[in-house]
C-alpha cells in the first residue's frame, strides 16, 4: 500500500495530511507521486497516522519476496 492508497483508505484529503505533517499540500502531493522525497521523520509520522508499517511507505509489496541463496558448484 502506498501513501496515496493509505490516505484514501483513511478518507483524508491531501490538505489534511499536509497539515498534520506541517507542510504544504503541494509538497505532500509531490511526496505521493515520488516517495523518494519522503524523509524518515515524515515516514514515521505517516506510518502512525495511517496505521501502516514504516516499511510499506518505502517498499512496495513486490519488494517483500524471498530470494533463495546462491549455490556454489
Protein backbone atom coordinates (compact mmCIF):
# COMPACT_ATOMS: atom_id res chain seq x y z
CA UNK A 1 0.00 0.00 0.00
CA UNK A 2 1.45 3.37 -0.93
CA UNK A 3 0.72 6.61 0.92
CA UNK A 4 -1.92 7.72 -1.57
CA UNK A 5 -3.85 4.47 -1.05
CA UNK A 6 -3.38 4.76 2.72
CA UNK A 7 -4.63 8.36 2.69
CA UNK A 8 -7.67 7.44 0.61
CA UNK A 9 -8.44 4.47 2.90
CA UNK A 10 -8.29 6.87 5.83
CA UNK A 11 -10.73 9.18 3.99
CA UNK A 12 -8.36 12.11 4.38
CA UNK A 13 -7.54 14.85 1.89
CA UNK A 14 -4.05 15.83 0.84
CA UNK A 15 -4.65 19.13 2.65
CA UNK A 16 -5.44 17.33 5.93
CA UNK A 17 -2.36 15.12 5.76
CA UNK A 18 -0.17 18.06 4.78
CA UNK A 19 -1.49 19.99 7.79
CA UNK A 20 -0.69 17.05 10.06
CA UNK A 21 2.88 17.00 8.72
CA UNK A 22 3.21 20.79 8.81
CA UNK A 23 3.90 21.07 5.07
CA UNK A 24 2.03 22.47 2.08
CA UNK A 25 -0.50 20.42 0.11
CA UNK A 26 1.70 20.83 -2.96
CA UNK A 27 4.70 19.35 -1.14
CA UNK A 28 2.61 16.44 0.12
CA UNK A 29 1.27 15.82 -3.39
CA UNK A 30 4.86 15.58 -4.63
CA UNK A 31 5.56 13.00 -1.91
CA UNK A 32 2.65 10.88 -3.12
CA UNK A 33 3.97 10.98 -6.68
CA UNK A 34 7.63 10.48 -5.75
CA UNK A 35 8.13 8.53 -2.48
CA UNK A 36 11.89 9.19 -2.66
CA UNK A 37 11.07 12.69 -1.38
CA UNK A 38 9.69 11.36 1.92
CA UNK A 39 12.01 11.92 4.88
CA UNK A 40 12.34 9.32 7.60
CA UNK A 41 10.64 11.68 10.07
CA UNK A 42 7.68 12.20 7.72
CA UNK A 43 7.50 8.46 7.03
CA UNK A 44 7.30 7.76 10.76
CA UNK A 45 4.50 10.30 11.15
CA UNK A 46 2.62 8.88 8.15
CA UNK A 47 3.05 5.35 9.48
CA UNK A 48 1.46 6.40 12.77
CA UNK A 49 -1.28 8.47 11.11
CA UNK A 50 -2.35 5.75 8.68
CA UNK A 51 -1.61 2.76 10.94
CA UNK A 52 0.66 1.09 8.41
CA UNK A 53 4.15 -0.37 8.83
CA UNK A 54 7.01 2.03 8.14
CA UNK A 55 8.38 -0.38 5.51
CA UNK A 56 5.18 -0.04 3.46
CA UNK A 57 5.94 3.63 2.87
CA UNK A 58 9.33 2.96 1.33
CA UNK A 59 8.96 -0.51 -0.17
CA UNK A 60 6.25 -1.82 -2.46
CA UNK A 61 4.74 -5.25 -1.86
CA UNK A 62 6.79 -6.75 -4.71
CA UNK A 63 9.96 -5.92 -2.72
CA UNK A 64 8.89 -8.34 0.01
CA UNK A 65 9.55 -11.50 -1.96
CA UNK A 66 12.04 -14.04 -0.66
CA UNK A 67 15.25 -14.74 -2.52
CA UNK A 68 17.00 -18.09 -2.34
CA UNK A 69 20.70 -18.11 -1.59
CA UNK A 70 23.08 -18.77 -4.47
CA UNK A 71 24.62 -22.23 -4.51
CA UNK A 72 28.26 -22.73 -5.37
CA UNK A 73 29.24 -25.59 -7.68
